[in-house]
Every structure is written in structure tokens, then in C-alpha cells.
Amino acid sequence: MLHRRNLLRFAALPLLAGGSASAASTSFSAFLEGVAAEARRGGVSDSTLRQAFSIIQPNNKVLELDRRQPEFTLTWAQYRDGRLSTQRIERGRQLFTENQMLLDAIWQRFQVSPRIIMAIWGLETNYGGFTGNFNVIEALATLAWDGRRSEFFRKELLAALRILEARDVTPDRMRGSYAGAMGNPQFMPTSFERLAVDFDGDGHRDIWGSRADSLASIANYLSRSGWREDERWGREVLLPSGFDPGLAGRSTRRPLREWLRQGVRAADGSELQVFDMEASILLPGGPSGQAFMVYQNFNVIRRYNPSDYYALVIGLLSDQLA
């Protein structure tokens, strides 16, 4: 068994490469020592820690991306049009057809709309086209060491180490975003631990290389978040003249029949069917822009990413994949 002292010396090697040990690298080594001790108490072996920590160092690119402030805020129209591209819609339809049998099997188990699953996959990683190429252990260690949100990222780092210990993935394949979101569904490590699924039955929850595991994991996430398969996510609507914009927002939930009595109609002007459900009205582009009526499943999508813009685009993209 690798002794603690040797492990830490091994972990520090990349930081000392080139013959200069800066205060920063010393601090990082001490940080890794603390993480290693905590990970061991959680059942992570010295072998796993050696593999995980032997090739990492503080990643300046990760810090740069984490600290970068957006120069401007996208409007709803800019966000929508930048993501609901013809290419993304057509690619989604193609993949929907190619994976119909798999999606049917996932639906049978989780009772989550295949169109929503595909839309999330499409928006998160462009259907697996870009899942991120950062070493997840290095990225999370850098952010946890940095101190701005150390508690959050330390928790995610420890979860990532436990994933390696479980042999779901090897360190070299554990790649993701600069913030540690991983694989096709862009799960954070704690979400992976709770919700990733081995759907293809090979003994590994592989959200990097297995399409079956990736799509089923998205379905499990939504199912566990309260997805209602007998309800839609929402729809675009027309508001009556004189509608009070103060009634818009997720915090105002009213029975569907009440909105209909106020004159809310489908986007094509037709009357909406009455169902026993509650809804909210959203005006993402302001009072003069598009209006949407959203239901409980919209809030479920927001649990995947807590953004109204995101959840609306997921819903709209899923409608295009029918």
C-alpha cells in the first residue's frame, strides 16, 4: 500500500517540475494533502489518489474562465436564435430516428419524453459533439483550492474521486467543462453519483462513451426531479389586449381555466383545451415579445439548469424534434 507521505510527494511532482517550487504550488500540494486525507476517510484508495493527483497542477485557464464576467447579457431573441439553429434541429431529428429503439426502451423504464431527452443532449453538448476537454480532477481541484467557492468544488472533487474509485471511468477519460461538468449530459460529479445509470449493462455508468448510459441518465435525472409524462412542458400563447405584465412570472401559478377565462389563447389564435393543471405566463422578451404558458414540467427542466431561457429553448427544441 502506498504510504501517505509518498503519495503526497508523488502528487507534488508536477508542481515542482522545472526546478522552482512557488508558494502557490506549495499551497496546492498542501491542499491536495487535505483532500487526500478526507477522500481516504470516504473509502478512496491510495492507488486511486495516486492516479488522480499525479498529473495535475493549478490550471490558470480554469481560473480565467471562472472569473471571466460576460461583457453583455443576451436578450431572449439572441439566446433563442443562437441555440435553435436549423443545424441543431436537423441533427436532432436525424439522431432521434437513428436511436428510436434505444429511446423507446428508455421511455419504458423512466416515462420521460424522448424528445426532451434529445433536446437536453443537443443543447448541453451538441449531441455529444463537444463535451469539454478539461481534466475534471484538475479543474475541480483548481477551483476548490482557489477559495472563492471552495466548499462547493471540494465536495464535487471528493465525489469525482469516489467515481474513479468505483471504476466507472479512468482518470484520462474523465474529461469535462472547466467547472467540472462531465460527459454527454454534463453532470457534475455529485449528480453523477446520484443519477447516472448503467443502461447498457456493462457494469459502468459511462456518460462519456455510452449513448445508452448518457440518454438514460438524463431521463433518470428528469424522472427523479418530478417529470409528469402525461403533461407537456408548456407552449407559446397569445395574450389578450390589456394583459397585466405584472401577472407574468413563475411565481404566479394559476389554474389553466383561469388563464383561459382571461382570454389567453394558443399561438395560432385557437382556444386551448382545459385541463386540471396549473400554469404560469412568461414574457422572456418583455411585454411586447413572445408569451409562453408553462407547466410543472418546465420547472423540472429548470432543475437541470435553473434558467428560464434554457428551459424555454429545451421545450421549443423538443417540439421541433417530434
C-alpha atoms as a PDB file:
ATOM      1  CA  MET A   1       0.000   0.000   0.000  1.00  0.00           C
ATOM      2  CA  LEU A   2       1.259   3.467  -0.862  1.00  0.00           C
ATOM      3  CA  HIS A   3       2.048   5.430   2.263  1.00  0.00           C
ATOM      4  CA  ARG A   4       0.583   8.885   2.725  1.00  0.00           C
ATOM      5  CA  ARG A   5       3.948  10.645   2.645  1.00  0.00           C
ATOM      6  CA  ASN A   6       4.897   9.016  -0.654  1.00  0.00           C
ATOM      7  CA  LEU A   7       1.511   9.780  -2.182  1.00  0.00           C
ATOM      8  CA  LEU A   8       1.810  13.447  -1.398  1.00  0.00           C
ATOM      9  CA  ARG A   9       5.351  13.607  -2.694  1.00  0.00           C
ATOM     10  CA  PHE A  10       4.094  11.990  -5.903  1.00  0.00           C
ATOM     11  CA  ALA A  11       1.191  14.383  -6.126  1.00  0.00           C
ATOM     12  CA  ALA A  12       3.505  17.361  -5.810  1.00  0.00           C
ATOM     13  CA  LEU A  13       5.875  16.332  -8.596  1.00  0.00           C
ATOM     14  CA  PRO A  14       4.136  18.163 -11.469  1.00  0.00           C
ATOM     15  CA  LEU A  15       4.054  21.337  -9.427  1.00  0.00           C
ATOM     16  CA  LEU A  16       7.783  21.245  -8.878  1.00  0.00           C
ATOM     17  CA  ALA A  17       8.682  20.461 -12.465  1.00  0.00           C
ATOM     18  CA  GLY A  18      11.229  22.865 -13.856  1.00  0.00           C
ATOM     19  CA  GLY A  19      13.075  23.192 -10.561  1.00  0.00           C
ATOM     20  CA  SER A  20      11.071  26.000  -8.963  1.00  0.00           C
ATOM     21  CA  ALA A  21       8.634  25.452  -6.102  1.00  0.00           C
ATOM     22  CA  SER A  22       6.489  28.567  -5.830  1.00  0.00           C
ATOM     23  CA  ALA A  23       4.358  29.473  -2.852  1.00  0.00           C
ATOM     24  CA  ALA A  24       1.337  28.690  -4.987  1.00  0.00           C
ATOM     25  CA  SER A  25       2.499  25.166  -5.773  1.00  0.00           C
ATOM     26  CA  THR A  26       3.342  24.555  -2.120  1.00  0.00           C
ATOM     27  CA  SER A  27      -0.122  25.743  -1.162  1.00  0.00           C
ATOM     28  CA  PHE A  28      -1.686  23.489  -3.791  1.00  0.00           C
ATOM     29  CA  SER A  29       0.275  20.483  -2.558  1.00  0.00           C
ATOM     30  CA  ALA A  30      -0.887  21.141   0.991  1.00  0.00           C
ATOM     31  CA  PHE A  31      -4.439  21.457  -0.285  1.00  0.00           C
ATOM     32  CA  LEU A  32      -4.191  18.106  -2.069  1.00  0.00           C
ATOM     33  CA  GLU A  33      -2.889  16.543   1.128  1.00  0.00           C
ATOM     34  CA  GLY A  34      -6.031  17.632   2.952  1.00  0.00           C
ATOM     35  CA  VAL A  35      -8.272  16.385   0.158  1.00  0.00           C
ATOM     36  CA  ALA A  36      -6.443  13.048   0.075  1.00  0.00           C
ATOM     37  CA  ALA A  37      -6.953  12.554   3.809  1.00  0.00           C
ATOM     38  CA  GLU A  38     -10.652  13.331   3.533  1.00  0.00           C
ATOM     39  CA  ALA A  39     -11.034  11.111   0.471  1.00  0.00           C
ATOM     40  CA  ARG A  40      -9.404   8.185   2.276  1.00  0.00           C
ATOM     41  CA  ARG A  41     -11.920   8.517   5.079  1.00  0.00           C
ATOM     42  CA  GLY A  42     -14.606   8.212   2.393  1.00  0.00           C
ATOM     43  CA  GLY A  43     -13.166   4.967   1.069  1.00  0.00           C
ATOM     44  CA  VAL A  44     -10.915   6.189  -1.750  1.00  0.00           C
ATOM     45  CA  SER A  45      -7.748   4.102  -2.059  1.00  0.00           C
ATOM     46  CA  ASP A  46      -4.177   5.348  -2.275  1.00  0.00           C
ATOM     47  CA  SER A  47      -3.960   3.811  -5.734  1.00  0.00           C
ATOM     48  CA  THR A  48      -6.869   5.934  -6.975  1.00  0.00           C
ATOM     49  CA  LEU A  49      -5.470   9.060  -5.343  1.00  0.00           C
ATOM     50  CA  ARG A  50      -2.075   8.475  -6.910  1.00  0.00           C
ATOM     51  CA  GLN A  51      -3.623   8.122 -10.370  1.00  0.00           C
ATOM     52  CA  ALA A  52      -5.873  11.149  -9.902  1.00  0.00           C
ATOM     53  CA  PHE A  53      -3.321  13.556  -8.435  1.00  0.00           C
ATOM     54  CA  SER A  54      -0.102  12.547 -10.185  1.00  0.00           C
ATOM     55  CA  ILE A  55      -0.619  14.663 -13.291  1.00  0.00           C
ATOM     56  CA  ILE A  56      -2.445  17.738 -12.038  1.00  0.00           C
ATOM     57  CA  GLN A  57      -1.455  21.279 -11.188  1.00  0.00           C
ATOM     58  CA  PRO A  58      -3.310  24.578 -10.780  1.00  0.00           C
ATOM     59  CA  ASN A  59      -4.897  25.349 -14.141  1.00  0.00           C
ATOM     60  CA  ASN A  60      -4.757  29.047 -14.968  1.00  0.00           C
ATOM     61  CA  LYS A  61      -7.206  28.640 -17.853  1.00  0.00           C
ATOM     62  CA  VAL A  62      -9.800  27.253 -15.449  1.00  0.00           C
ATOM     63  CA  LEU A  63      -9.339  30.249 -13.149  1.00  0.00           C
ATOM     64  CA  GLU A  64      -9.551  32.648 -16.077  1.00  0.00           C
ATOM     65  CA  LEU A  65     -12.811  31.145 -17.318  1.00  0.00           C
ATOM     66  CA  ASP A  66     -14.292  31.020 -13.830  1.00  0.00           C
ATOM     67  CA  ARG A  67     -13.517  34.672 -13.162  1.00  0.00           C
ATOM     68  CA  ARG A  68     -14.458  35.996 -16.567  1.00  0.00           C
ATOM     69  CA  GLN A  69     -17.505  38.236 -16.452  1.00  0.00           C
ATOM     70  CA  PRO A  70     -19.776  38.367 -19.505  1.00  0.00           C
ATOM     71  CA  GLU A  71     -19.458  41.610 -21.413  1.00  0.00           C
ATOM     72  CA  PHE A  72     -23.183  41.755 -22.043  1.00  0.00           C
ATOM     73  CA  THR A  73     -26.370  39.894 -21.260  1.00  0.00           C
ATOM     74  CA  LEU A  74     -28.079  38.126 -24.128  1.00  0.00           C
ATOM     75  CA  THR A  75     -31.640  39.093 -24.905  1.00  0.00           C
ATOM     76  CA  TRP A  76     -34.209  36.328 -25.216  1.00  0.00           C
ATOM     77  CA  ALA A  77     -34.160  36.644 -29.016  1.00  0.00           C
ATOM     78  CA  GLN A  78     -30.359  36.390 -29.131  1.00  0.00           C
ATOM     79  CA  TYR A  79     -30.295  33.383 -26.810  1.00  0.00           C
ATOM     80  CA  ARG A  80     -33.134  31.626 -28.658  1.00  0.00           C
ATOM     81  CA  ASP A  81     -31.829  32.226 -32.160  1.00  0.00           C
ATOM     82  CA  GLY A  82     -28.288  31.238 -31.234  1.00  0.00           C
ATOM     83  CA  ARG A  83     -29.420  27.835 -29.994  1.00  0.00           C
ATOM     84  CA  LEU A  84     -32.448  26.917 -32.089  1.00  0.00           C
ATOM     85  CA  SER A  85     -30.396  26.662 -35.254  1.00  0.00           C
ATOM     86  CA  THR A  86     -31.537  24.745 -38.309  1.00  0.00           C
ATOM     87  CA  GLN A  87     -28.443  22.559 -37.987  1.00  0.00           C
ATOM     88  CA  ARG A  88     -29.219  21.622 -34.381  1.00  0.00           C
ATOM     89  CA  ILE A  89     -32.839  20.832 -35.217  1.00  0.00           C
ATOM     90  CA  GLU A  90     -31.993  18.728 -38.273  1.00  0.00           C
ATOM     91  CA  ARG A  91     -29.221  16.852 -36.473  1.00  0.00           C
ATOM     92  CA  GLY A  92     -31.583  16.177 -33.601  1.00  0.00           C
ATOM     93  CA  ARG A  93     -34.230  14.746 -35.908  1.00  0.00           C
ATOM     94  CA  GLN A  94     -31.659  12.507 -37.566  1.00  0.00           C
ATOM     95  CA  LEU A  95     -30.371  11.192 -34.240  1.00  0.00           C
ATOM     96  CA  PHE A  96     -33.902  10.775 -32.922  1.00  0.00           C
ATOM     97  CA  THR A  97     -34.665   8.437 -35.817  1.00  0.00           C
ATOM     98  CA  GLU A  98     -31.357   6.576 -35.510  1.00  0.00           C
ATOM     99  CA  ASN A  99     -31.867   5.968 -31.788  1.00  0.00           C
ATOM    100  CA  GLN A 100     -35.599   5.255 -31.794  1.00  0.00           C
ATOM    101  CA  MET A 101     -35.291   1.753 -30.324  1.00  0.00           C
ATOM    102  CA  LEU A 102     -32.981   2.952 -27.555  1.00  0.00           C
ATOM    103  CA  LEU A 103     -35.230   5.908 -26.761  1.00  0.00           C
ATOM    104  CA  ASP A 104     -38.281   3.636 -26.638  1.00  0.00           C
ATOM    105  CA  ALA A 105     -36.507   1.371 -24.148  1.00  0.00           C
ATOM    106  CA  ILE A 106     -35.525   4.357 -22.015  1.00  0.00           C
ATOM    107  CA  TRP A 107     -39.101   5.645 -22.117  1.00  0.00           C
ATOM    108  CA  GLN A 108     -40.426   2.276 -20.975  1.00  0.00           C
ATOM    109  CA  ARG A 109     -38.222   2.456 -17.883  1.00  0.00           C
ATOM    110  CA  PHE A 110     -38.323   6.148 -16.965  1.00  0.00           C
ATOM    111  CA  GLN A 111     -41.512   7.518 -18.573  1.00  0.00           C
ATOM    112  CA  VAL A 112     -39.762  10.676 -19.774  1.00  0.00           C
ATOM    113  CA  SER A 113     -40.373  12.148 -23.225  1.00  0.00           C
ATOM    114  CA  PRO A 114     -37.613  11.092 -25.662  1.00  0.00           C
ATOM    115  CA  ARG A 115     -37.892  14.489 -27.343  1.00  0.00           C
ATOM    116  CA  ILE A 116     -36.967  16.260 -24.114  1.00  0.00           C
ATOM    117  CA  ILE A 117     -34.053  13.885 -23.545  1.00  0.00           C
ATOM    118  CA  MET A 118     -32.747  14.578 -27.041  1.00  0.00           C
ATOM    119  CA  ALA A 119     -33.211  18.329 -26.651  1.00  0.00           C
ATOM    120  CA  ILE A 120     -31.139  18.383 -23.459  1.00  0.00           C
ATOM    121  CA  TRP A 121     -28.421  16.312 -25.105  1.00  0.00           C
ATOM    122  CA  GLY A 122     -28.478  18.657 -28.083  1.00  0.00           C
ATOM    123  CA  LEU A 123     -28.238  21.838 -26.060  1.00  0.00           C
ATOM    124  CA  GLU A 124     -25.755  20.615 -23.456  1.00  0.00           C
ATOM    125  CA  THR A 125     -23.123  19.176 -25.803  1.00  0.00           C
ATOM    126  CA  ASN A 126     -24.484  19.499 -29.350  1.00  0.00           C
ATOM    127  CA  TYR A 127     -25.401  15.799 -29.269  1.00  0.00           C
ATOM    128  CA  GLY A 128     -22.019  14.820 -27.901  1.00  0.00           C
ATOM    129  CA  GLY A 129     -20.082  16.990 -30.335  1.00  0.00           C
ATOM    130  CA  PHE A 130     -18.375  18.910 -27.550  1.00  0.00           C
ATOM    131  CA  THR A 131     -18.332  17.545 -24.022  1.00  0.00           C
ATOM    132  CA  GLY A 132     -15.351  19.542 -22.754  1.00  0.00           C
ATOM    133  CA  ASN A 133     -11.683  18.603 -22.691  1.00  0.00           C
ATOM    134  CA  PHE A 134     -10.572  19.681 -19.231  1.00  0.00           C
ATOM    135  CA  ASN A 135      -9.161  17.133 -16.804  1.00  0.00           C
ATOM    136  CA  VAL A 136     -12.070  17.112 -14.336  1.00  0.00           C
ATOM    137  CA  ILE A 137      -9.927  16.322 -11.291  1.00  0.00           C
ATOM    138  CA  GLU A 138      -7.522  19.136 -12.139  1.00  0.00           C
ATOM    139  CA  ALA A 139     -10.330  21.608 -12.857  1.00  0.00           C
ATOM    140  CA  LEU A 140     -12.196  20.849  -9.643  1.00  0.00           C
ATOM    141  CA  ALA A 141      -9.016  20.832  -7.570  1.00  0.00           C
ATOM    142  CA  THR A 142      -8.050  24.213  -9.010  1.00  0.00           C
ATOM    143  CA  LEU A 143     -11.443  25.738  -8.219  1.00  0.00           C
ATOM    144  CA  ALA A 144     -11.622  24.201  -4.745  1.00  0.00           C
ATOM    145  CA  TRP A 145      -8.095  25.425  -3.958  1.00  0.00           C
ATOM    146  CA  ASP A 146      -8.821  28.905  -5.339  1.00  0.00           C
ATOM    147  CA  GLY A 147     -11.098  29.620  -2.403  1.00  0.00           C
ATOM    148  CA  ARG A 148     -13.932  31.632  -3.941  1.00  0.00           C
ATOM    149  CA  ARG A 149     -16.350  28.686  -3.883  1.00  0.00           C
ATOM    150  CA  SER A 150     -14.096  26.178  -2.219  1.00  0.00           C
ATOM    151  CA  GLU A 151     -16.747  24.282  -0.254  1.00  0.00           C
ATOM    152  CA  PHE A 152     -18.854  23.590  -3.345  1.00  0.00           C
ATOM    153  CA  PHE A 153     -15.964  22.482  -5.533  1.00  0.00           C
ATOM    154  CA  ARG A 154     -14.274  20.471  -2.784  1.00  0.00           C
ATOM    155  CA  LYS A 155     -17.494  18.470  -2.431  1.00  0.00           C
ATOM    156  CA  GLU A 156     -17.533  17.887  -6.194  1.00  0.00           C
ATOM    157  CA  LEU A 157     -13.841  16.923  -6.191  1.00  0.00           C
ATOM    158  CA  LEU A 158     -14.394  14.322  -3.489  1.00  0.00           C
ATOM    159  CA  ALA A 159     -17.333  12.927  -5.466  1.00  0.00           C
ATOM    160  CA  ALA A 160     -15.156  12.741  -8.592  1.00  0.00           C
ATOM    161  CA  LEU A 161     -12.546  10.761  -6.660  1.00  0.00           C
ATOM    162  CA  ARG A 162     -15.216   8.330  -5.488  1.00  0.00           C
ATOM    163  CA  ILE A 163     -16.339   7.883  -9.106  1.00  0.00           C
ATOM    164  CA  LEU A 164     -12.778   6.937 -10.036  1.00  0.00           C
ATOM    165  CA  GLU A 165     -12.668   4.544  -7.096  1.00  0.00           C
ATOM    166  CA  ALA A 166     -15.855   2.872  -8.375  1.00  0.00           C
ATOM    167  CA  ARG A 167     -14.108   2.316 -11.738  1.00  0.00           C
ATOM    168  CA  ASP A 168     -16.897   3.909 -13.746  1.00  0.00           C
ATOM    169  CA  VAL A 169     -14.232   5.818 -15.687  1.00  0.00           C
ATOM    170  CA  THR A 170     -10.456   6.145 -15.757  1.00  0.00           C
ATOM    171  CA  PRO A 171      -8.722   9.446 -14.922  1.00  0.00           C
ATOM    172  CA  ASP A 172      -7.649  10.031 -18.528  1.00  0.00           C
ATOM    173  CA  ARG A 173     -11.266   9.723 -19.762  1.00  0.00           C
ATOM    174  CA  MET A 174     -12.774  11.866 -17.013  1.00  0.00           C
ATOM    175  CA  ARG A 175     -12.967  14.995 -19.135  1.00  0.00           C
ATOM    176  CA  GLY A 176     -15.455  17.837 -18.955  1.00  0.00           C
ATOM    177  CA  SER A 177     -16.015  21.561 -18.723  1.00  0.00           C
ATOM    178  CA  TYR A 178     -13.762  23.957 -16.831  1.00  0.00           C
ATOM    179  CA  ALA A 179     -16.274  23.804 -13.956  1.00  0.00           C
ATOM    180  CA  GLY A 180     -16.273  20.001 -13.808  1.00  0.00           C
ATOM    181  CA  ALA A 181     -19.469  19.194 -15.738  1.00  0.00           C
ATOM    182  CA  MET A 182     -18.922  15.806 -17.329  1.00  0.00           C
ATOM    183  CA  GLY A 183     -19.773  13.831 -20.427  1.00  0.00           C
ATOM    184  CA  ASN A 184     -22.771  13.925 -22.733  1.00  0.00           C
ATOM    185  CA  PRO A 185     -25.267  15.107 -20.103  1.00  0.00           C
ATOM    186  CA  GLN A 186     -22.767  17.474 -18.416  1.00  0.00           C
ATOM    187  CA  PHE A 187     -23.372  16.056 -14.946  1.00  0.00           C
ATOM    188  CA  MET A 188     -21.459  17.414 -12.003  1.00  0.00           C
ATOM    189  CA  PRO A 189     -19.855  14.567 -10.014  1.00  0.00           C
ATOM    190  CA  THR A 190     -22.424  14.673  -7.198  1.00  0.00           C
ATOM    191  CA  SER A 191     -25.228  14.449  -9.775  1.00  0.00           C
ATOM    192  CA  PHE A 192     -23.403  11.561 -11.420  1.00  0.00           C
ATOM    193  CA  GLU A 193     -23.255   9.686  -8.130  1.00  0.00           C
ATOM    194  CA  ARG A 194     -26.976  10.103  -7.536  1.00  0.00           C
ATOM    195  CA  LEU A 195     -28.395   9.847 -11.030  1.00  0.00           C
ATOM    196  CA  ALA A 196     -26.070   8.282 -13.606  1.00  0.00           C
ATOM    197  CA  VAL A 197     -27.341   4.964 -14.990  1.00  0.00           C
ATOM    198  CA  ASP A 198     -25.652   1.868 -16.408  1.00  0.00           C
ATOM    199  CA  PHE A 199     -28.330   1.284 -19.051  1.00  0.00           C
ATOM    200  CA  ASP A 200     -26.269  -0.872 -21.405  1.00  0.00           C
ATOM    201  CA  GLY A 201     -25.439  -3.292 -18.590  1.00  0.00           C
ATOM    202  CA  ASP A 202     -21.656  -3.353 -18.952  1.00  0.00           C
ATOM    203  CA  GLY A 203     -21.049  -2.616 -15.274  1.00  0.00           C
ATOM    204  CA  HIS A 204     -20.020   1.021 -15.775  1.00  0.00           C
ATOM    205  CA  ARG A 205     -22.007   4.238 -15.741  1.00  0.00           C
ATOM    206  CA  ASP A 206     -20.319   5.659 -18.815  1.00  0.00           C
ATOM    207  CA  ILE A 207     -21.701   9.091 -19.705  1.00  0.00           C
ATOM    208  CA  TRP A 208     -18.642   9.763 -21.881  1.00  0.00           C
ATOM    209  CA  GLY A 209     -18.699   6.874 -24.339  1.00  0.00           C
ATOM    210  CA  SER A 210     -22.052   5.110 -23.969  1.00  0.00           C
ATOM    211  CA  ARG A 211     -25.018   6.731 -25.672  1.00  0.00           C
ATOM    212  CA  ALA A 212     -27.368   4.389 -23.802  1.00  0.00           C
ATOM    213  CA  ASP A 213     -25.964   5.355 -20.405  1.00  0.00           C
ATOM    214  CA  SER A 214     -25.905   9.047 -21.320  1.00  0.00           C
ATOM    215  CA  LEU A 215     -29.508   9.328 -22.506  1.00  0.00           C
ATOM    216  CA  ALA A 216     -30.856   7.101 -19.747  1.00  0.00           C
ATOM    217  CA  SER A 217     -29.024   9.215 -17.172  1.00  0.00           C
ATOM    218  CA  ILE A 218     -30.730  12.350 -18.497  1.00  0.00           C
ATOM    219  CA  ALA A 219     -34.072  10.539 -18.281  1.00  0.00           C
ATOM    220  CA  ASN A 220     -33.353   9.436 -14.721  1.00  0.00           C
ATOM    221  CA  TYR A 221     -32.449  12.989 -13.742  1.00  0.00           C
ATOM    222  CA  LEU A 222     -35.778  14.295 -15.032  1.00  0.00           C
ATOM    223  CA  SER A 223     -37.768  11.390 -13.630  1.00  0.00           C
ATOM    224  CA  ARG A 224     -36.278  11.856 -10.172  1.00  0.00           C
ATOM    225  CA  SER A 225     -36.968  15.591 -10.431  1.00  0.00           C
ATOM    226  CA  GLY A 226     -40.710  15.027 -10.826  1.00  0.00           C
ATOM    227  CA  TRP A 227     -41.336  14.720 -14.573  1.00  0.00           C
ATOM    228  CA  ARG A 228     -45.007  14.190 -15.473  1.00  0.00           C
ATOM    229  CA  GLU A 229     -45.196  12.275 -18.720  1.00  0.00           C
ATOM    230  CA  ASP A 230     -48.901  12.996 -19.184  1.00  0.00           C
ATOM    231  CA  GLU A 231     -48.257  16.751 -19.313  1.00  0.00           C
ATOM    232  CA  ARG A 232     -46.379  18.932 -21.753  1.00  0.00           C
ATOM    233  CA  TRP A 233     -43.683  21.416 -20.777  1.00  0.00           C
ATOM    234  CA  GLY A 234     -45.574  24.472 -21.983  1.00  0.00           C
ATOM    235  CA  ARG A 235     -46.438  26.330 -25.181  1.00  0.00           C
ATOM    236  CA  GLU A 236     -46.329  29.704 -26.863  1.00  0.00           C
ATOM    237  CA  VAL A 237     -49.564  31.636 -26.371  1.00  0.00           C
ATOM    238  CA  LEU A 238     -51.330  34.838 -27.376  1.00  0.00           C
ATOM    239  CA  LEU A 239     -52.275  37.196 -24.573  1.00  0.00           C
ATOM    240  CA  PRO A 240     -55.427  39.311 -24.563  1.00  0.00           C
ATOM    241  CA  SER A 241     -55.227  43.034 -25.139  1.00  0.00           C
ATOM    242  CA  GLY A 242     -54.539  44.800 -21.880  1.00  0.00           C
ATOM    243  CA  PHE A 243     -52.941  41.796 -20.175  1.00  0.00           C
ATOM    244  CA  ASP A 244     -51.239  42.897 -16.963  1.00  0.00           C
ATOM    245  CA  PRO A 245     -47.494  42.107 -17.300  1.00  0.00           C
ATOM    246  CA  GLY A 246     -47.338  42.015 -13.519  1.00  0.00           C
ATOM    247  CA  LEU A 247     -49.087  38.649 -13.690  1.00  0.00           C
ATOM    248  CA  ALA A 248     -46.184  37.149 -15.629  1.00  0.00           C
ATOM    249  CA  GLY A 249     -43.517  35.114 -13.881  1.00  0.00           C
ATOM    250  CA  ARG A 250     -43.020  31.645 -12.455  1.00  0.00           C
ATOM    251  CA  SER A 251     -44.146  32.774  -9.014  1.00  0.00           C
ATOM    252  CA  THR A 252     -47.692  33.393 -10.291  1.00  0.00           C
ATOM    253  CA  ARG A 253     -49.308  29.996 -10.769  1.00  0.00           C
ATOM    254  CA  ARG A 254     -52.995  29.793 -11.586  1.00  0.00           C
ATOM    255  CA  PRO A 255     -55.368  27.081 -12.773  1.00  0.00           C
ATOM    256  CA  LEU A 256     -55.346  26.777 -16.549  1.00  0.00           C
ATOM    257  CA  ARG A 257     -59.061  27.528 -16.751  1.00  0.00           C
ATOM    258  CA  GLU A 258     -58.468  30.877 -15.037  1.00  0.00           C
ATOM    259  CA  TRP A 259     -55.933  31.939 -17.673  1.00  0.00           C
ATOM    260  CA  LEU A 260     -58.374  30.885 -20.381  1.00  0.00           C
ATOM    261  CA  ARG A 261     -61.134  32.980 -18.823  1.00  0.00           C
ATOM    262  CA  GLN A 262     -58.809  35.969 -19.080  1.00  0.00           C
ATOM    263  CA  GLY A 263     -58.525  35.394 -22.833  1.00  0.00           C
ATOM    264  CA  VAL A 264     -55.206  33.562 -23.170  1.00  0.00           C
ATOM    265  CA  ARG A 265     -55.193  31.550 -26.403  1.00  0.00           C
ATOM    266  CA  ALA A 266     -52.879  29.264 -28.348  1.00  0.00           C
ATOM    267  CA  ALA A 267     -50.250  30.931 -30.526  1.00  0.00           C
ATOM    268  CA  ASP A 268     -52.385  30.335 -33.636  1.00  0.00           C
ATOM    269  CA  GLY A 269     -55.371  32.052 -32.018  1.00  0.00           C
ATOM    270  CA  SER A 270     -57.322  28.884 -31.292  1.00  0.00           C
ATOM    271  CA  GLU A 271     -58.812  28.077 -27.915  1.00  0.00           C
ATOM    272  CA  LEU A 272     -56.750  25.976 -25.553  1.00  0.00           C
ATOM    273  CA  GLN A 273     -58.126  22.762 -24.145  1.00  0.00           C
ATOM    274  CA  VAL A 274     -58.987  22.870 -20.468  1.00  0.00           C
ATOM    275  CA  PHE A 275     -57.045  20.509 -18.213  1.00  0.00           C
ATOM    276  CA  ASP A 276     -56.885  20.308 -14.445  1.00  0.00           C
ATOM    277  CA  MET A 277     -53.420  21.798 -14.084  1.00  0.00           C
ATOM    278  CA  GLU A 278     -51.703  24.991 -13.028  1.00  0.00           C
ATOM    279  CA  ALA A 279     -49.688  27.252 -15.294  1.00  0.00           C
ATOM    280  CA  SER A 280     -47.611  30.410 -15.305  1.00  0.00           C
ATOM    281  CA  ILE A 281     -47.150  33.025 -18.017  1.00  0.00           C
ATOM    282  CA  LEU A 282     -43.615  34.009 -19.023  1.00  0.00           C
ATOM    283  CA  LEU A 283     -42.605  37.046 -21.063  1.00  0.00           C
ATOM    284  CA  PRO A 284     -38.889  36.406 -21.681  1.00  0.00           C
ATOM    285  CA  GLY A 285     -38.582  39.242 -24.181  1.00  0.00           C
ATOM    286  CA  GLY A 286     -40.691  41.716 -22.244  1.00  0.00           C
ATOM    287  CA  PRO A 287     -44.378  42.702 -22.576  1.00  0.00           C
ATOM    288  CA  SER A 288     -44.175  43.222 -26.339  1.00  0.00           C
ATOM    289  CA  GLY A 289     -42.404  39.938 -27.107  1.00  0.00           C
ATOM    290  CA  GLN A 290     -43.282  36.264 -27.141  1.00  0.00           C
ATOM    291  CA  ALA A 291     -45.508  34.898 -24.389  1.00  0.00           C
ATOM    292  CA  PHE A 292     -45.369  31.363 -23.035  1.00  0.00           C
ATOM    293  CA  MET A 293     -47.621  29.356 -20.776  1.00  0.00           C
ATOM    294  CA  VAL A 294     -45.516  26.898 -18.779  1.00  0.00           C
ATOM    295  CA  TYR A 295     -46.490  23.933 -16.626  1.00  0.00           C
ATOM    296  CA  GLN A 296     -44.870  21.772 -13.966  1.00  0.00           C
ATOM    297  CA  ASN A 297     -42.522  20.047 -16.414  1.00  0.00           C
ATOM    298  CA  PHE A 298     -40.978  23.431 -17.227  1.00  0.00           C
ATOM    299  CA  ASN A 299     -39.895  23.644 -13.595  1.00  0.00           C
ATOM    300  CA  VAL A 300     -38.480  20.125 -13.845  1.00  0.00           C
ATOM    301  CA  ILE A 301     -36.332  21.209 -16.803  1.00  0.00           C
ATOM    302  CA  ARG A 302     -35.125  24.150 -14.712  1.00  0.00           C
ATOM    303  CA  ARG A 303     -33.800  21.697 -12.144  1.00  0.00           C
ATOM    304  CA  TYR A 304     -31.372  20.579 -14.831  1.00  0.00           C
ATOM    305  CA  ASN A 305     -30.351  24.191 -15.446  1.00  0.00           C
ATOM    306  CA  PRO A 306     -32.032  26.967 -13.402  1.00  0.00           C
ATOM    307  CA  SER A 307     -32.537  29.368 -16.308  1.00  0.00           C
ATOM    308  CA  ASP A 308     -35.868  30.336 -17.869  1.00  0.00           C
ATOM    309  CA  TYR A 309     -34.157  30.905 -21.217  1.00  0.00           C
ATOM    310  CA  TYR A 310     -32.583  27.446 -21.072  1.00  0.00           C
ATOM    311  CA  ALA A 311     -35.805  25.674 -20.150  1.00  0.00           C
ATOM    312  CA  LEU A 312     -37.767  27.502 -22.852  1.00  0.00           C
ATOM    313  CA  VAL A 313     -35.245  26.565 -25.538  1.00  0.00           C
ATOM    314  CA  ILE A 314     -35.280  22.937 -24.371  1.00  0.00           C
ATOM    315  CA  GLY A 315     -39.052  22.924 -24.712  1.00  0.00           C
ATOM    316  CA  LEU A 316     -39.046  24.610 -28.111  1.00  0.00           C
ATOM    317  CA  LEU A 317     -36.274  22.363 -29.439  1.00  0.00           C
ATOM    318  CA  SER A 318     -38.118  19.270 -28.232  1.00  0.00           C
ATOM    319  CA  ASP A 319     -41.223  20.404 -30.123  1.00  0.00           C
ATOM    320  CA  GLN A 320     -39.144  20.603 -33.305  1.00  0.00           C
ATOM    321  CA  LEU A 321     -37.913  17.027 -32.864  1.00  0.00           C
ATOM    322  CA  ALA A 322     -41.391  15.494 -32.959  1.00  0.00           C
END
